[in-house]
């Protein structure tokens, strides 16, 4: 019987030693004088390896993300051990949001507990407005059945959106709108300029008095939502109808302002284009004017006669 040592947690190649048979008597003829003993690795022995983290958070603009695996327990005495790290889509899409990962990570002979091997996950800054966090999974699997992974064989990577303030803008279709008082109203429109939109995006529309007064000259607007849906592209527009009051008053043209406000942080255009002026043009309003009397008389002695005109109907809010 030859004793063999169980070197638990040391992962090594198949090992051999030789046993030789020698005769102590000259009358013994040895026909097979050597044999080789092969020491097979105990399948319950091995190393324990896993991903260092099970949750990763990165931004589109942060560059490559380091992904590392660690040997938590074990010792490589005379061999290399490899693992496959693979990415899988969840809400993030390979080649759209990140470069797909299927790579081999190798611990080399001589490495032991605490050894670390890393690779990089490349995130794509796509200038597309998306949901704030997009996810993918990483899975780690051994290429050798003698290796066990008992912790963190799967990790989640969340990519944080950064395109709210760089990917585009929402502006008015015009900085000035004109509406005749008798038209009933006017559409004011917001236009989106965006590389791509993969989620809904909302802005709010409000109005502010100028010389026109809300409730008297037009119907006021207060945080009216305009929502661009996922899939919208540059040039798409959403409009809201602003009612104008025909008050039959002869007056100067009047103005009020409409403004766009972000429903969420970022993603509005040039400050000069998030406000627009609406001019109400006074048309078709008349007043009736005439003499107060159909005849007047004056004496030579007084040397004058006062003749008066009168507004017979209508209302005047400007000089005439």
Protein backbone atom coordinates (compact mmCIF):
# COMPACT_ATOMS: atom_id res chain seq x y z
CA UNK A 1 0.00 0.00 0.00
CA UNK A 2 1.34 3.43 -1.00
CA UNK A 3 -0.12 6.41 0.83
CA UNK A 4 -1.25 9.37 -1.25
CA UNK A 5 -1.63 12.82 0.30
CA UNK A 6 -4.94 14.66 -0.17
CA UNK A 7 -3.85 18.27 -0.79
CA UNK A 8 -7.36 19.73 -0.55
CA UNK A 9 -8.08 22.98 -2.37
CA UNK A 10 -4.98 22.63 -4.54
CA UNK A 11 -6.01 22.32 -8.16
CA UNK A 12 -3.33 20.65 -10.22
CA UNK A 13 -2.73 18.49 -13.24
CA UNK A 14 -2.75 14.69 -13.15
CA UNK A 15 0.46 13.61 -11.38
CA UNK A 16 2.53 10.44 -11.66
CA UNK A 17 5.17 8.57 -9.75
CA UNK A 18 6.99 5.34 -10.53
CA UNK A 19 7.35 2.18 -8.40
CA UNK A 20 10.28 -0.14 -9.07
CA UNK A 21 10.49 -3.82 -8.11
CA UNK A 22 13.97 -5.09 -7.15
CA UNK A 23 14.82 -8.74 -6.37
CA UNK A 24 16.83 -9.51 -3.27
CA UNK A 25 17.48 -13.13 -4.38
CA UNK A 26 19.34 -14.14 -7.52
CA UNK A 27 16.92 -16.97 -8.13
CA UNK A 28 14.07 -14.47 -8.77
CA UNK A 29 13.56 -13.37 -12.34
CA UNK A 30 11.59 -10.05 -12.58
CA UNK A 31 9.71 -9.79 -15.84
CA UNK A 32 7.89 -6.42 -15.13
CA UNK A 33 10.11 -4.35 -12.87
CA UNK A 34 8.41 -0.93 -12.98
CA UNK A 35 4.90 0.44 -12.82
CA UNK A 36 3.51 3.97 -12.95
CA UNK A 37 0.95 5.27 -10.46
CA UNK A 38 -1.31 8.09 -11.70
CA UNK A 39 -2.77 10.40 -9.03
CA UNK A 40 -6.15 11.64 -10.16
CA UNK A 41 -7.43 14.99 -8.88
CA UNK A 42 -10.22 14.55 -6.36
CA UNK A 43 -13.39 15.90 -8.05
CA UNK A 44 -14.52 17.44 -4.77
CA UNK A 45 -11.31 19.46 -4.60
CA UNK A 46 -10.96 22.59 -6.62
CA UNK A 47 -11.03 26.36 -6.36
CA UNK A 48 -13.88 28.72 -5.61
CA UNK A 49 -14.22 31.64 -8.01
CA UNK A 50 -16.87 34.31 -8.51
CA UNK A 51 -17.56 37.82 -9.71
CA UNK A 52 -16.24 40.44 -7.30
CA UNK A 53 -19.53 42.39 -7.40
CA UNK A 54 -23.06 41.35 -8.19
CA UNK A 55 -24.31 44.89 -9.01
CA UNK A 56 -22.55 47.43 -11.24
CA UNK A 57 -23.74 50.99 -11.98
CA UNK A 58 -22.18 53.05 -14.75
CA UNK A 59 -23.04 56.00 -17.00
CA UNK A 60 -23.03 56.14 -20.78
CA UNK A 61 -20.24 58.73 -20.67
CA UNK A 62 -18.09 56.91 -18.11
CA UNK A 63 -16.11 54.81 -20.59
CA UNK A 64 -15.26 51.11 -20.21
CA UNK A 65 -16.42 49.34 -17.04
CA UNK A 66 -13.96 47.00 -15.31
CA UNK A 67 -15.45 43.57 -14.52
CA UNK A 68 -13.32 41.36 -12.26
CA UNK A 69 -13.46 37.80 -11.00
CA UNK A 70 -11.66 36.65 -7.87
CA UNK A 71 -10.34 33.38 -6.52
CA UNK A 72 -11.99 33.25 -3.11
CA UNK A 73 -10.43 29.96 -2.10
CA UNK A 74 -7.89 27.59 -3.63
CA UNK A 75 -4.43 27.20 -5.08
CA UNK A 76 -3.28 26.52 -8.63
CA UNK A 77 -0.14 24.44 -8.40
CA UNK A 78 0.69 23.35 -11.89
CA UNK A 79 -2.04 24.32 -14.30
CA UNK A 80 -4.17 27.14 -15.69
CA UNK A 81 -7.92 27.41 -15.20
CA UNK A 82 -10.23 29.37 -17.51
CA UNK A 83 -13.74 30.81 -17.21
CA UNK A 84 -16.19 32.27 -19.70
CA UNK A 85 -17.84 35.63 -18.94
CA UNK A 86 -20.86 36.38 -21.10
CA UNK A 87 -23.31 39.30 -21.34
CA UNK A 88 -27.06 38.95 -21.81
CA UNK A 89 -29.62 41.63 -22.77
CA UNK A 90 -32.30 42.65 -20.29
CA UNK A 91 -33.49 46.17 -21.18
CA UNK A 92 -30.10 47.22 -22.58
CA UNK A 93 -29.46 46.05 -26.13
CA UNK A 94 -26.13 44.68 -27.35
CA UNK A 95 -24.50 46.82 -30.08
CA UNK A 96 -26.98 49.60 -29.27
CA UNK A 97 -26.18 50.25 -25.62
CA UNK A 98 -23.01 48.21 -25.11
CA UNK A 99 -20.59 45.92 -26.93
CA UNK A 100 -21.50 42.27 -26.32
CA UNK A 101 -19.15 40.36 -24.07
CA UNK A 102 -18.11 36.72 -24.43
CA UNK A 103 -14.57 36.42 -23.22
CA UNK A 104 -12.30 33.93 -21.52
CA UNK A 105 -10.66 34.84 -18.22
CA UNK A 106 -7.69 32.74 -17.10
CA UNK A 107 -6.06 32.14 -13.71
CA UNK A 108 -2.50 30.90 -14.29
CA UNK A 109 -0.39 28.35 -12.50
CA UNK A 110 0.88 29.60 -9.17
CA UNK A 111 -2.07 31.86 -8.40
CA UNK A 112 -3.99 31.27 -5.18
CA UNK A 113 -6.68 32.73 -2.91
CA UNK A 114 -7.13 36.47 -3.54
CA UNK A 115 -5.99 36.42 -7.17
CA UNK A 116 -8.03 38.70 -9.48
CA UNK A 117 -8.52 38.68 -13.26
CA UNK A 118 -10.38 41.52 -15.03
CA UNK A 119 -11.84 42.46 -18.38
CA UNK A 120 -13.76 45.49 -19.64
CA UNK A 121 -17.37 46.06 -20.68
CA UNK A 122 -17.64 48.84 -23.25
CA UNK A 123 -20.76 51.02 -22.90
CA UNK A 124 -21.99 52.99 -25.94
CA UNK A 125 -22.84 56.69 -25.56
CA UNK A 126 -25.64 56.65 -28.13
CA UNK A 127 -27.18 60.16 -27.81
CA UNK A 128 -30.60 58.50 -27.68
CA UNK A 129 -33.10 59.56 -25.04
CA UNK A 130 -33.95 56.37 -23.15
CA UNK A 131 -35.27 55.17 -19.83
CA UNK A 132 -33.02 56.37 -17.03
CA UNK A 133 -31.54 52.93 -16.29
CA UNK A 134 -31.00 50.10 -18.77
CA UNK A 135 -29.88 46.70 -17.55
CA UNK A 136 -27.90 43.72 -18.74
CA UNK A 137 -26.76 40.55 -16.98
CA UNK A 138 -23.31 39.00 -16.80
CA UNK A 139 -22.91 35.26 -16.28
CA UNK A 140 -19.73 33.44 -15.28
CA UNK A 141 -19.19 29.76 -16.00
CA UNK A 142 -16.14 27.49 -15.58
CA UNK A 143 -14.53 25.82 -18.55
CA UNK A 144 -13.36 23.01 -16.22
CA UNK A 145 -15.79 20.85 -14.21
CA UNK A 146 -13.31 20.66 -11.34
CA UNK A 147 -13.86 24.34 -10.64
CA UNK A 148 -16.79 25.45 -8.51
CA UNK A 149 -18.49 28.83 -8.52
CA UNK A 150 -20.40 29.22 -5.29
CA UNK A 151 -20.82 33.00 -5.12
CA UNK A 152 -21.73 35.76 -7.56
CA UNK A 153 -21.92 33.73 -10.74
CA UNK A 154 -24.37 36.33 -12.10
CA UNK A 155 -24.07 40.12 -11.95
CA UNK A 156 -26.39 42.95 -12.98
CA UNK A 157 -25.07 46.01 -14.84
CA UNK A 158 -27.22 49.17 -14.92
CA UNK A 159 -26.38 51.88 -17.46
CA UNK A 160 -27.47 55.34 -16.35
CA UNK A 161 -28.92 57.62 -19.03
CA UNK A 162 -27.06 60.90 -19.62
CA UNK A 163 -28.76 62.24 -22.77
CA UNK A 164 -31.38 64.55 -21.26
CA UNK A 165 -29.25 67.61 -21.85
CA UNK A 166 -27.22 66.62 -24.91
CA UNK A 167 -29.32 64.57 -27.28
CA UNK A 168 -31.70 67.25 -28.56
CA UNK A 169 -34.22 69.89 -27.71
CA UNK A 170 -37.89 70.80 -27.66
CA UNK A 171 -38.71 74.28 -28.93
CA UNK A 172 -41.67 76.24 -30.28
CA UNK A 173 -42.26 75.98 -34.01
CA UNK A 174 -42.13 79.80 -34.08
CA UNK A 175 -41.13 82.57 -31.71
CA UNK A 176 -44.13 84.67 -32.81
CA UNK A 177 -47.75 83.72 -33.54
CA UNK A 178 -50.48 86.02 -34.88
CA UNK A 179 -54.20 85.41 -34.38
CA UNK A 180 -57.08 87.63 -35.42
CA UNK A 181 -59.54 88.31 -32.65
CA UNK A 182 -62.42 86.83 -34.61
CA UNK A 183 -60.52 83.61 -35.51
CA UNK A 184 -61.57 81.78 -32.35
CA UNK A 185 -58.01 80.86 -31.41
CA UNK A 186 -54.62 79.57 -32.56
CA UNK A 187 -52.49 76.43 -32.31
CA UNK A 188 -49.15 76.85 -30.58
CA UNK A 189 -46.80 73.96 -31.39
CA UNK A 190 -43.74 72.37 -29.80
CA UNK A 191 -41.21 70.67 -32.09
CA UNK A 192 -38.75 67.98 -30.98
CA UNK A 193 -35.21 67.73 -32.32
CA UNK A 194 -33.71 64.44 -31.23
CA UNK A 195 -31.37 61.71 -32.47
CA UNK A 196 -33.67 59.02 -31.10
CA UNK A 197 -36.38 58.72 -28.49
CA UNK A 198 -36.91 55.40 -26.73
CA UNK A 199 -39.18 56.62 -23.95
CA UNK A 200 -41.96 59.16 -23.48
CA UNK A 201 -40.87 62.76 -22.94
CA UNK A 202 -43.14 65.49 -21.53
CA UNK A 203 -42.96 69.27 -21.44
CA UNK A 204 -45.45 71.70 -19.85
CA UNK A 205 -47.10 74.65 -21.59
CA UNK A 206 -48.13 77.82 -19.72
CA UNK A 207 -49.16 81.38 -20.62
CA UNK A 208 -48.41 84.82 -19.17
CA UNK A 209 -50.16 88.15 -19.69
CA UNK A 210 -48.67 90.91 -21.74
CA UNK A 211 -51.08 93.64 -22.80
CA UNK A 212 -53.69 90.91 -23.28
CA UNK A 213 -55.41 89.68 -20.12
CA UNK A 214 -56.18 86.05 -19.40
CA UNK A 215 -59.87 85.39 -19.01
CA UNK A 216 -60.72 88.56 -20.94
CA UNK A 217 -58.75 88.30 -24.17
CA UNK A 218 -57.70 84.61 -24.19
CA UNK A 219 -58.09 81.39 -22.20
CA UNK A 220 -55.05 80.99 -19.92
CA UNK A 221 -52.77 77.94 -19.99
CA UNK A 222 -51.32 76.42 -16.82
CA UNK A 223 -48.91 73.47 -17.03
CA UNK A 224 -50.62 71.83 -20.00
CA UNK A 225 -48.68 68.58 -20.71
CA UNK A 226 -47.37 67.87 -24.19
CA UNK A 227 -46.04 64.31 -24.35
CA UNK A 228 -43.82 63.06 -27.16
CA UNK A 229 -44.11 59.28 -27.34
CA UNK A 230 -41.32 56.75 -27.67
CA UNK A 231 -40.27 56.52 -31.30
CA UNK A 232 -40.72 60.22 -32.07
CA UNK A 233 -38.14 61.68 -34.45
CA UNK A 234 -36.78 65.12 -35.26
CA UNK A 235 -39.41 67.44 -36.70
CA UNK A 236 -42.38 65.81 -34.98
CA UNK A 237 -44.59 68.38 -33.30
CA UNK A 238 -47.41 68.58 -30.78
CA UNK A 239 -49.88 71.47 -30.72
CA UNK A 240 -52.33 72.97 -28.25
CA UNK A 241 -55.22 75.24 -29.19
CA UNK A 242 -55.42 78.57 -27.35
CA UNK A 243 -58.90 80.14 -27.47
CA UNK A 244 -59.11 83.87 -28.26
CA UNK A 245 -62.03 86.02 -27.04
CA UNK A 246 -63.79 88.26 -29.57
CA UNK A 247 -64.86 91.12 -27.28
CA UNK A 248 -66.17 93.62 -29.89
CA UNK A 249 -63.98 96.31 -28.32
CA UNK A 250 -61.99 98.59 -30.59
CA UNK A 251 -58.47 98.32 -29.18
CA UNK A 252 -54.80 98.09 -30.00
CA UNK A 253 -53.32 94.74 -30.93
CA UNK A 254 -52.56 92.85 -27.70
CA UNK A 255 -49.97 90.23 -26.79
CA UNK A 256 -49.37 87.41 -24.35
CA UNK A 257 -46.51 84.93 -23.93
CA UNK A 258 -46.51 81.12 -24.00
CA UNK A 259 -43.67 79.19 -22.39
CA UNK A 260 -42.36 75.62 -22.30
CA UNK A 261 -41.15 74.17 -19.02
CA UNK A 262 -39.40 70.83 -18.46
CA UNK A 263 -41.48 68.16 -16.77
CA UNK A 264 -38.15 66.57 -15.85
CA UNK A 265 -34.61 67.84 -15.51
CA UNK A 266 -32.92 68.88 -18.75
CA UNK A 267 -33.90 68.51 -22.38
CA UNK A 268 -35.10 71.97 -23.36
CA UNK A 269 -33.65 73.98 -26.18
CA UNK A 270 -32.24 77.47 -26.60
CA UNK A 271 -33.75 79.87 -24.05
CA UNK A 272 -34.82 82.12 -26.92
CA UNK A 273 -37.00 79.36 -28.32
CA UNK A 274 -38.80 78.15 -25.20
CA UNK A 275 -40.92 81.28 -25.18
CA UNK A 276 -43.15 82.62 -27.94
CA UNK A 277 -45.27 85.77 -28.23
CA UNK A 278 -48.88 85.56 -29.42
CA UNK A 279 -50.29 88.76 -30.94
CA UNK A 280 -54.07 89.21 -31.00
CA UNK A 281 -54.93 91.35 -34.01
CA UNK A 282 -58.03 93.47 -33.54
CA UNK A 283 -60.15 93.05 -36.68
CA UNK A 284 -63.77 93.72 -37.53
CA UNK A 285 -64.54 95.72 -34.39
CA UNK A 286 -66.33 99.05 -34.91
CA UNK A 287 -67.88 101.78 -32.87
CA UNK A 288 -70.77 103.99 -34.01
CA UNK A 289 -70.08 107.69 -33.81
CA UNK A 290 -72.39 110.62 -34.67
CA UNK A 291 -73.39 114.15 -33.81
CA UNK A 292 -75.23 114.52 -30.56
CA UNK A 293 -77.85 116.64 -32.37
CA UNK A 294 -79.07 116.84 -35.90
CA UNK A 295 -79.03 120.67 -35.79
CA UNK A 296 -77.31 123.43 -33.85
CA UNK A 297 -77.84 127.16 -33.62
CA UNK A 298 -75.68 130.00 -32.40
CA UNK A 299 -76.07 133.75 -32.11
CA UNK A 300 -73.83 136.35 -33.73
CA UNK A 301 -73.48 137.94 -30.32
CA UNK A 302 -71.86 134.83 -28.73
CA UNK A 303 -69.72 134.35 -31.80
CA UNK A 304 -69.42 130.56 -31.50
CA UNK A 305 -71.40 127.37 -31.52
CA UNK A 306 -70.39 124.13 -29.74
CA UNK A 307 -70.89 121.07 -31.89
CA UNK A 308 -70.40 117.66 -30.19
CA UNK A 309 -69.83 114.12 -31.45
CA UNK A 310 -70.79 111.08 -29.41
CA UNK A 311 -69.98 107.35 -29.29
CA UNK A 312 -73.42 105.97 -30.02
CA UNK A 313 -72.47 102.28 -29.56
CA UNK A 314 -69.40 100.18 -28.84
CA UNK A 315 -66.39 100.45 -26.54
CA UNK A 316 -63.10 102.16 -27.21
CA UNK A 317 -59.77 101.16 -25.67
CA UNK A 318 -57.47 103.17 -27.90
CA UNK A 319 -57.34 106.68 -29.28
CA UNK A 320 -59.42 107.24 -32.38
